[in-house]
Amino acid sequence: MGMTDYRTNQNDQGGTHSEDAAFPGLTVVNLKQQADSVDQTYKNFVVVNINNHCVRLAVMQGEFRWHQHPRSDECFLVVEGDLEIDLADGRTFRLKPGEVFTIPAGVIHRTRSHARAVNLCFEDRNAYTDVVFEDSERASK
């Protein structure tokens, strides 16, 4: 029961995946306005970059796939709604607005919410490029 490696470092042309920040430095970004403009059940994008890290805004309802970031910690800050983070070892952490939680590099996890949730994620700029999705047998212990 090994993992399936779906690295996201390839675009349609076969080059390296990169995601530009939605906003450059010296720009005031209204996060509530950005979140309110999302009408999909899942959207995750880089809002701003800082040094070698990025701040992502994620709006979701439902669950995201089991995965890990081999070379980057991932820090979640819940802005709206409740966010559940499941670990492959069976633990679940339930976060409310204003709560923050860090997942160390290499820890298999998934995020989910029963109703709309909005969170900020702080991670290395290459964390998304290096994501490794886990097959369902391995992650659903």
N, C-alpha and C. Protein backbone atom coordinates (compact mmCIF):
# COMPACT_ATOMS: atom_id res chain seq x y z
N MET A 1 0.83 -1.18 0.00
CA MET A 1 0.00 0.00 0.00
C MET A 1 0.88 1.25 0.00
N GLY A 2 1.50 1.51 -1.08
CA GLY A 2 2.35 2.69 -1.17
C GLY A 2 1.56 3.92 -1.55
N MET A 3 2.27 5.01 -1.65
CA MET A 3 1.57 6.24 -2.01
C MET A 3 1.63 6.47 -3.51
N THR A 4 0.63 7.15 -4.01
CA THR A 4 0.61 7.56 -5.39
C THR A 4 1.16 8.96 -5.45
N ASP A 5 2.13 9.19 -6.28
CA ASP A 5 2.81 10.48 -6.34
C ASP A 5 2.23 11.30 -7.49
N TYR A 6 1.43 12.30 -7.16
CA TYR A 6 0.84 13.18 -8.14
C TYR A 6 1.44 14.57 -7.96
N ARG A 7 2.72 14.70 -8.17
CA ARG A 7 3.35 16.00 -7.99
C ARG A 7 2.77 16.99 -8.98
N THR A 8 2.62 18.19 -8.53
CA THR A 8 1.96 19.20 -9.37
C THR A 8 2.98 20.13 -10.01
N ASN A 9 4.14 19.58 -10.39
CA ASN A 9 5.17 20.44 -10.94
C ASN A 9 5.16 20.48 -12.46
N GLN A 10 4.12 20.01 -13.08
CA GLN A 10 4.04 20.04 -14.53
C GLN A 10 2.78 20.79 -14.97
N ASN A 11 2.94 21.69 -15.92
CA ASN A 11 1.76 22.31 -16.50
C ASN A 11 1.45 21.62 -17.82
N ASP A 12 0.47 22.09 -18.56
CA ASP A 12 0.08 21.43 -19.80
C ASP A 12 1.20 21.37 -20.83
N GLN A 13 2.15 22.29 -20.75
CA GLN A 13 3.25 22.32 -21.70
C GLN A 13 4.44 21.49 -21.21
N GLY A 14 4.32 20.86 -20.03
CA GLY A 14 5.39 20.02 -19.52
C GLY A 14 6.44 20.79 -18.73
N GLY A 15 6.24 22.06 -18.47
CA GLY A 15 7.20 22.86 -17.72
C GLY A 15 6.94 22.80 -16.24
N THR A 16 7.72 23.55 -15.49
CA THR A 16 7.57 23.58 -14.04
C THR A 16 6.34 24.37 -13.65
N HIS A 17 5.59 23.84 -12.70
CA HIS A 17 4.41 24.53 -12.19
C HIS A 17 4.87 25.69 -11.32
N SER A 18 4.28 26.84 -11.54
CA SER A 18 4.52 27.95 -10.63
C SER A 18 3.21 28.71 -10.53
N GLU A 19 2.97 29.25 -9.37
CA GLU A 19 1.75 30.00 -9.15
C GLU A 19 2.12 31.38 -8.66
N ASP A 20 1.80 32.37 -9.46
CA ASP A 20 2.08 33.74 -9.06
C ASP A 20 1.10 34.17 -7.98
N ALA A 21 1.56 35.08 -7.13
CA ALA A 21 0.67 35.65 -6.12
C ALA A 21 -0.37 36.50 -6.82
N ALA A 22 -1.57 36.50 -6.29
CA ALA A 22 -2.65 37.31 -6.86
C ALA A 22 -2.37 38.80 -6.72
N PHE A 23 -1.59 39.17 -5.69
CA PHE A 23 -1.31 40.58 -5.43
C PHE A 23 0.17 40.79 -5.18
N PRO A 24 0.74 41.87 -5.74
CA PRO A 24 2.15 42.18 -5.49
C PRO A 24 2.31 42.87 -4.13
N GLY A 25 3.55 43.04 -3.72
CA GLY A 25 3.83 43.79 -2.50
C GLY A 25 3.29 45.20 -2.60
N LEU A 26 3.20 45.87 -1.49
CA LEU A 26 2.68 47.24 -1.40
C LEU A 26 1.25 47.35 -1.88
N THR A 27 0.47 46.26 -1.70
CA THR A 27 -0.93 46.24 -2.07
C THR A 27 -1.76 45.85 -0.85
N VAL A 28 -2.76 46.64 -0.54
CA VAL A 28 -3.69 46.29 0.54
C VAL A 28 -4.68 45.27 -0.02
N VAL A 29 -4.80 44.14 0.65
CA VAL A 29 -5.69 43.07 0.19
C VAL A 29 -6.77 42.88 1.25
N ASN A 30 -8.03 42.97 0.85
CA ASN A 30 -9.14 42.73 1.74
C ASN A 30 -9.49 41.25 1.65
N LEU A 31 -9.06 40.47 2.65
CA LEU A 31 -9.26 39.03 2.62
C LEU A 31 -10.72 38.63 2.66
N LYS A 32 -11.53 39.36 3.41
CA LYS A 32 -12.96 39.06 3.47
C LYS A 32 -13.59 39.24 2.09
N GLN A 33 -13.22 40.32 1.42
CA GLN A 33 -13.75 40.58 0.08
C GLN A 33 -13.31 39.47 -0.89
N GLN A 34 -12.05 39.04 -0.78
CA GLN A 34 -11.56 37.97 -1.65
C GLN A 34 -12.32 36.67 -1.39
N ALA A 35 -12.51 36.32 -0.12
CA ALA A 35 -13.23 35.10 0.23
C ALA A 35 -14.69 35.18 -0.20
N ASP A 36 -15.32 36.33 0.01
CA ASP A 36 -16.73 36.49 -0.35
C ASP A 36 -16.96 36.38 -1.86
N SER A 37 -15.93 36.64 -2.65
CA SER A 37 -16.08 36.58 -4.11
C SER A 37 -15.99 35.16 -4.65
N VAL A 38 -15.62 34.20 -3.81
CA VAL A 38 -15.49 32.80 -4.25
C VAL A 38 -16.85 32.12 -4.18
N ASP A 39 -17.28 31.56 -5.31
CA ASP A 39 -18.56 30.85 -5.32
C ASP A 39 -18.39 29.35 -5.55
N GLN A 40 -17.16 28.87 -5.69
CA GLN A 40 -16.90 27.45 -5.83
C GLN A 40 -16.92 26.78 -4.45
N THR A 41 -17.09 25.45 -4.43
CA THR A 41 -17.03 24.74 -3.16
C THR A 41 -15.58 24.56 -2.71
N TYR A 42 -14.62 24.73 -3.62
CA TYR A 42 -13.21 24.69 -3.24
C TYR A 42 -12.40 25.62 -4.14
N LYS A 43 -11.67 26.51 -3.51
CA LYS A 43 -10.72 27.35 -4.23
C LYS A 43 -9.58 27.67 -3.28
N ASN A 44 -8.36 27.52 -3.78
CA ASN A 44 -7.16 27.74 -2.99
C ASN A 44 -6.17 28.47 -3.88
N PHE A 45 -5.72 29.64 -3.46
CA PHE A 45 -4.79 30.39 -4.29
C PHE A 45 -3.84 31.22 -3.45
N VAL A 46 -2.70 31.55 -4.03
CA VAL A 46 -1.70 32.37 -3.36
C VAL A 46 -2.16 33.82 -3.40
N VAL A 47 -2.30 34.40 -2.22
CA VAL A 47 -2.70 35.81 -2.12
C VAL A 47 -1.46 36.69 -2.25
N VAL A 48 -0.46 36.43 -1.40
CA VAL A 48 0.78 37.21 -1.42
C VAL A 48 1.97 36.30 -1.14
N ASN A 49 3.13 36.75 -1.57
CA ASN A 49 4.39 36.08 -1.25
C ASN A 49 5.16 36.93 -0.26
N ILE A 50 5.92 36.26 0.59
CA ILE A 50 6.80 36.95 1.53
C ILE A 50 8.07 36.12 1.65
N ASN A 51 9.19 36.70 1.26
CA ASN A 51 10.47 35.98 1.26
C ASN A 51 10.31 34.66 0.52
N ASN A 52 10.64 33.54 1.14
CA ASN A 52 10.52 32.24 0.48
C ASN A 52 9.21 31.54 0.80
N HIS A 53 8.24 32.29 1.32
CA HIS A 53 6.97 31.71 1.73
C HIS A 53 5.81 32.39 1.01
N CYS A 54 4.64 31.79 1.14
CA CYS A 54 3.44 32.40 0.57
C CYS A 54 2.30 32.29 1.58
N VAL A 55 1.31 33.12 1.35
CA VAL A 55 0.06 33.07 2.12
C VAL A 55 -1.02 32.68 1.12
N ARG A 56 -1.67 31.56 1.38
CA ARG A 56 -2.76 31.08 0.52
C ARG A 56 -4.08 31.35 1.20
N LEU A 57 -5.09 31.63 0.40
CA LEU A 57 -6.46 31.75 0.89
C LEU A 57 -7.21 30.53 0.36
N ALA A 58 -7.84 29.79 1.26
CA ALA A 58 -8.61 28.61 0.86
C ALA A 58 -10.05 28.78 1.33
N VAL A 59 -10.96 28.59 0.40
CA VAL A 59 -12.39 28.58 0.68
C VAL A 59 -12.85 27.18 0.32
N MET A 60 -13.52 26.51 1.26
CA MET A 60 -13.90 25.13 0.97
C MET A 60 -15.15 24.70 1.70
N GLN A 61 -15.82 23.74 1.11
CA GLN A 61 -16.88 22.98 1.75
C GLN A 61 -16.73 21.57 1.23
N GLY A 62 -16.60 20.61 2.12
CA GLY A 62 -16.33 19.24 1.72
C GLY A 62 -14.95 18.84 2.20
N GLU A 63 -14.30 17.95 1.45
CA GLU A 63 -12.97 17.53 1.89
C GLU A 63 -11.97 17.58 0.76
N PHE A 64 -10.73 17.86 1.16
CA PHE A 64 -9.61 17.84 0.23
C PHE A 64 -8.90 16.50 0.40
N ARG A 65 -8.18 16.08 -0.62
CA ARG A 65 -7.52 14.77 -0.63
C ARG A 65 -6.45 14.63 0.44
N TRP A 66 -6.20 13.40 0.84
CA TRP A 66 -5.07 13.09 1.72
C TRP A 66 -3.79 13.45 0.98
N HIS A 67 -2.88 14.11 1.68
CA HIS A 67 -1.62 14.51 1.05
C HIS A 67 -0.58 14.87 2.11
N GLN A 68 0.60 15.15 1.63
CA GLN A 68 1.68 15.63 2.49
C GLN A 68 2.55 16.59 1.69
N HIS A 69 3.30 17.39 2.41
CA HIS A 69 4.29 18.29 1.82
C HIS A 69 5.64 17.84 2.37
N PRO A 70 6.43 17.14 1.57
CA PRO A 70 7.66 16.55 2.07
C PRO A 70 8.68 17.55 2.62
N ARG A 71 8.70 18.77 2.11
CA ARG A 71 9.73 19.72 2.49
C ARG A 71 9.21 21.02 3.10
N SER A 72 7.95 21.05 3.49
CA SER A 72 7.42 22.30 4.04
C SER A 72 6.41 22.04 5.15
N ASP A 73 6.57 22.75 6.27
CA ASP A 73 5.51 22.80 7.26
C ASP A 73 4.35 23.55 6.63
N GLU A 74 3.16 23.36 7.17
CA GLU A 74 1.97 24.05 6.67
C GLU A 74 1.20 24.55 7.88
N CYS A 75 0.96 25.86 7.92
CA CYS A 75 0.29 26.47 9.06
C CYS A 75 -1.06 27.01 8.61
N PHE A 76 -2.12 26.60 9.31
CA PHE A 76 -3.48 27.02 8.99
C PHE A 76 -3.97 28.03 10.02
N LEU A 77 -4.61 29.07 9.56
CA LEU A 77 -5.29 30.05 10.41
C LEU A 77 -6.72 30.15 9.91
N VAL A 78 -7.67 29.72 10.72
CA VAL A 78 -9.08 29.73 10.31
C VAL A 78 -9.62 31.14 10.45
N VAL A 79 -10.28 31.60 9.40
CA VAL A 79 -10.85 32.94 9.34
C VAL A 79 -12.36 32.90 9.50
N GLU A 80 -12.99 31.87 8.92
CA GLU A 80 -14.46 31.77 8.92
C GLU A 80 -14.85 30.31 8.93
N GLY A 81 -15.88 29.96 9.67
CA GLY A 81 -16.37 28.58 9.71
C GLY A 81 -15.48 27.69 10.55
N ASP A 82 -15.72 26.40 10.47
CA ASP A 82 -14.94 25.40 11.21
C ASP A 82 -14.17 24.55 10.21
N LEU A 83 -12.91 24.28 10.51
CA LEU A 83 -12.06 23.47 9.65
C LEU A 83 -11.60 22.25 10.44
N GLU A 84 -11.76 21.08 9.85
CA GLU A 84 -11.26 19.86 10.47
C GLU A 84 -10.03 19.41 9.71
N ILE A 85 -9.00 19.02 10.45
CA ILE A 85 -7.78 18.50 9.85
C ILE A 85 -7.59 17.09 10.39
N ASP A 86 -7.66 16.12 9.50
CA ASP A 86 -7.46 14.72 9.86
C ASP A 86 -6.01 14.34 9.58
N LEU A 87 -5.42 13.58 10.50
CA LEU A 87 -4.09 13.02 10.29
C LEU A 87 -4.24 11.54 10.01
N ALA A 88 -3.31 10.98 9.24
CA ALA A 88 -3.39 9.56 8.87
C ALA A 88 -3.30 8.64 10.08
N ASP A 89 -2.79 9.14 11.21
CA ASP A 89 -2.71 8.30 12.41
C ASP A 89 -4.04 8.22 13.17
N GLY A 90 -5.10 8.85 12.62
CA GLY A 90 -6.43 8.75 13.21
C GLY A 90 -6.87 9.97 14.02
N ARG A 91 -5.97 10.88 14.30
CA ARG A 91 -6.35 12.07 15.06
C ARG A 91 -7.04 13.09 14.16
N THR A 92 -7.99 13.83 14.74
CA THR A 92 -8.67 14.92 14.05
C THR A 92 -8.60 16.15 14.93
N PHE A 93 -8.25 17.27 14.31
CA PHE A 93 -8.20 18.55 15.01
C PHE A 93 -9.29 19.44 14.43
N ARG A 94 -10.11 20.03 15.30
CA ARG A 94 -11.21 20.88 14.88
C ARG A 94 -10.86 22.32 15.23
N LEU A 95 -10.74 23.15 14.20
CA LEU A 95 -10.32 24.53 14.39
C LEU A 95 -11.48 25.49 14.14
N LYS A 96 -11.56 26.50 14.98
CA LYS A 96 -12.57 27.55 14.87
C LYS A 96 -11.89 28.85 14.46
N PRO A 97 -12.66 29.86 14.05
CA PRO A 97 -12.07 31.13 13.65
C PRO A 97 -11.13 31.68 14.73
N GLY A 98 -9.97 32.13 14.26
CA GLY A 98 -8.96 32.69 15.15
C GLY A 98 -7.98 31.66 15.66
N GLU A 99 -8.20 30.39 15.36
CA GLU A 99 -7.28 29.35 15.82
C GLU A 99 -6.28 29.01 14.72
N VAL A 100 -5.08 28.66 15.16
CA VAL A 100 -3.99 28.35 14.24
C VAL A 100 -3.45 26.96 14.57
N PHE A 101 -2.98 26.24 13.54
CA PHE A 101 -2.49 24.88 13.71
C PHE A 101 -1.42 24.62 12.66
N THR A 102 -0.29 24.04 13.09
CA THR A 102 0.81 23.77 12.16
C THR A 102 0.99 22.28 11.98
N ILE A 103 1.13 21.86 10.73
CA ILE A 103 1.40 20.48 10.38
C ILE A 103 2.86 20.41 9.93
N PRO A 104 3.69 19.62 10.60
CA PRO A 104 5.09 19.50 10.20
C PRO A 104 5.23 18.85 8.82
N ALA A 105 6.31 19.17 8.14
CA ALA A 105 6.61 18.59 6.83
C ALA A 105 6.54 17.07 6.91
N GLY A 106 5.97 16.46 5.87
CA GLY A 106 5.92 15.01 5.77
C GLY A 106 4.77 14.33 6.47
N VAL A 107 3.95 15.07 7.21
CA VAL A 107 2.81 14.47 7.92
C VAL A 107 1.62 14.37 6.96
N ILE A 108 1.09 13.17 6.81
CA ILE A 108 -0.05 12.94 5.91
C ILE A 108 -1.31 13.48 6.58
N HIS A 109 -2.06 14.28 5.81
CA HIS A 109 -3.25 14.93 6.36
C HIS A 109 -4.26 15.25 5.26
N ARG A 110 -5.45 15.63 5.69
CA ARG A 110 -6.46 16.18 4.78
C ARG A 110 -7.24 17.23 5.56
N THR A 111 -7.81 18.17 4.82
CA THR A 111 -8.67 19.17 5.43
C THR A 111 -10.09 18.92 4.96
N ARG A 112 -11.05 19.31 5.82
CA ARG A 112 -12.46 19.14 5.44
C ARG A 112 -13.31 20.09 6.27
N SER A 113 -14.49 20.35 5.75
CA SER A 113 -15.45 21.19 6.47
C SER A 113 -16.85 20.75 6.06
N HIS A 114 -17.77 20.80 7.01
CA HIS A 114 -19.15 20.40 6.75
C HIS A 114 -19.94 21.55 6.14
N ALA A 115 -19.51 22.77 6.42
CA ALA A 115 -20.11 23.98 5.85
C ALA A 115 -18.96 24.84 5.35
N ARG A 116 -19.28 25.90 4.68
CA ARG A 116 -18.24 26.78 4.12
C ARG A 116 -17.24 27.18 5.21
N ALA A 117 -15.96 27.06 4.88
CA ALA A 117 -14.88 27.47 5.78
C ALA A 117 -13.86 28.25 4.97
N VAL A 118 -13.23 29.21 5.62
CA VAL A 118 -12.19 30.01 4.98
C VAL A 118 -10.97 29.97 5.89
N ASN A 119 -9.82 29.68 5.29
CA ASN A 119 -8.59 29.69 6.08
C ASN A 119 -7.45 30.28 5.29
N LEU A 120 -6.46 30.76 6.04
CA LEU A 120 -5.20 31.18 5.45
C LEU A 120 -4.21 30.07 5.71
N CYS A 121 -3.35 29.82 4.76
CA CYS A 121 -2.33 28.80 4.91
C CYS A 121 -0.98 29.46 4.63
N PHE A 122 -0.06 29.26 5.54
CA PHE A 122 1.28 29.82 5.42
C PHE A 122 2.23 28.66 5.17
N GLU A 123 2.98 28.72 4.06
CA GLU A 123 3.86 27.61 3.70
C GLU A 123 4.97 28.09 2.79
N ASP A 124 5.95 27.23 2.58
CA ASP A 124 7.03 27.50 1.64
C ASP A 124 6.43 27.69 0.25
N ARG A 125 7.00 28.56 -0.54
CA ARG A 125 6.46 28.80 -1.90
C ARG A 125 6.40 27.54 -2.74
N ASN A 126 7.29 26.59 -2.50
CA ASN A 126 7.32 25.36 -3.29
C ASN A 126 6.50 24.23 -2.70
N ALA A 127 5.82 24.46 -1.59
CA ALA A 127 5.06 23.38 -0.94
C ALA A 127 4.00 22.80 -1.85
N TYR A 128 3.30 23.64 -2.58
CA TYR A 128 2.25 23.13 -3.47
C TYR A 128 2.86 22.35 -4.63
N THR A 129 3.97 22.83 -5.14
CA THR A 129 4.66 22.14 -6.22
C THR A 129 5.10 20.76 -5.78
N ASP A 130 5.49 20.63 -4.50
CA ASP A 130 6.01 19.38 -3.99
C ASP A 130 4.96 18.49 -3.33
N VAL A 131 3.68 18.82 -3.43
CA VAL A 131 2.65 18.04 -2.76
C VAL A 131 2.65 16.60 -3.29
N VAL A 132 2.42 15.65 -2.39
CA VAL A 132 2.32 14.24 -2.76
C VAL A 132 0.97 13.76 -2.26
N PHE A 133 0.08 13.38 -3.18
CA PHE A 133 -1.23 12.88 -2.80
C PHE A 133 -1.12 11.41 -2.46
N GLU A 134 -1.85 10.98 -1.45
CA GLU A 134 -1.81 9.60 -0.97
C GLU A 134 -2.96 8.81 -1.56
N ASP A 135 -2.71 7.54 -1.88
CA ASP A 135 -3.82 6.72 -2.38
C ASP A 135 -4.80 6.46 -1.24
N SER A 136 -6.03 6.16 -1.58
CA SER A 136 -7.09 6.06 -0.57
C SER A 136 -6.86 4.92 0.42
N GLU A 137 -6.27 3.81 0.00
CA GLU A 137 -6.01 2.70 0.91
C GLU A 137 -5.02 3.12 2.00
N ARG A 138 -3.97 3.79 1.61
CA ARG A 138 -2.90 4.18 2.54
C ARG A 138 -3.41 5.20 3.55
N ALA A 139 -4.19 6.14 3.08
CA ALA A 139 -4.57 7.27 3.94
C ALA A 139 -5.81 7.00 4.78
N SER A 140 -6.59 6.00 4.48
CA SER A 140 -7.85 5.83 5.20
C SER A 140 -7.76 4.81 6.32
N LYS A 141 -6.60 4.66 6.90
CA LYS A 141 -6.42 3.73 8.03
C LYS A 141 -7.45 3.95 9.11
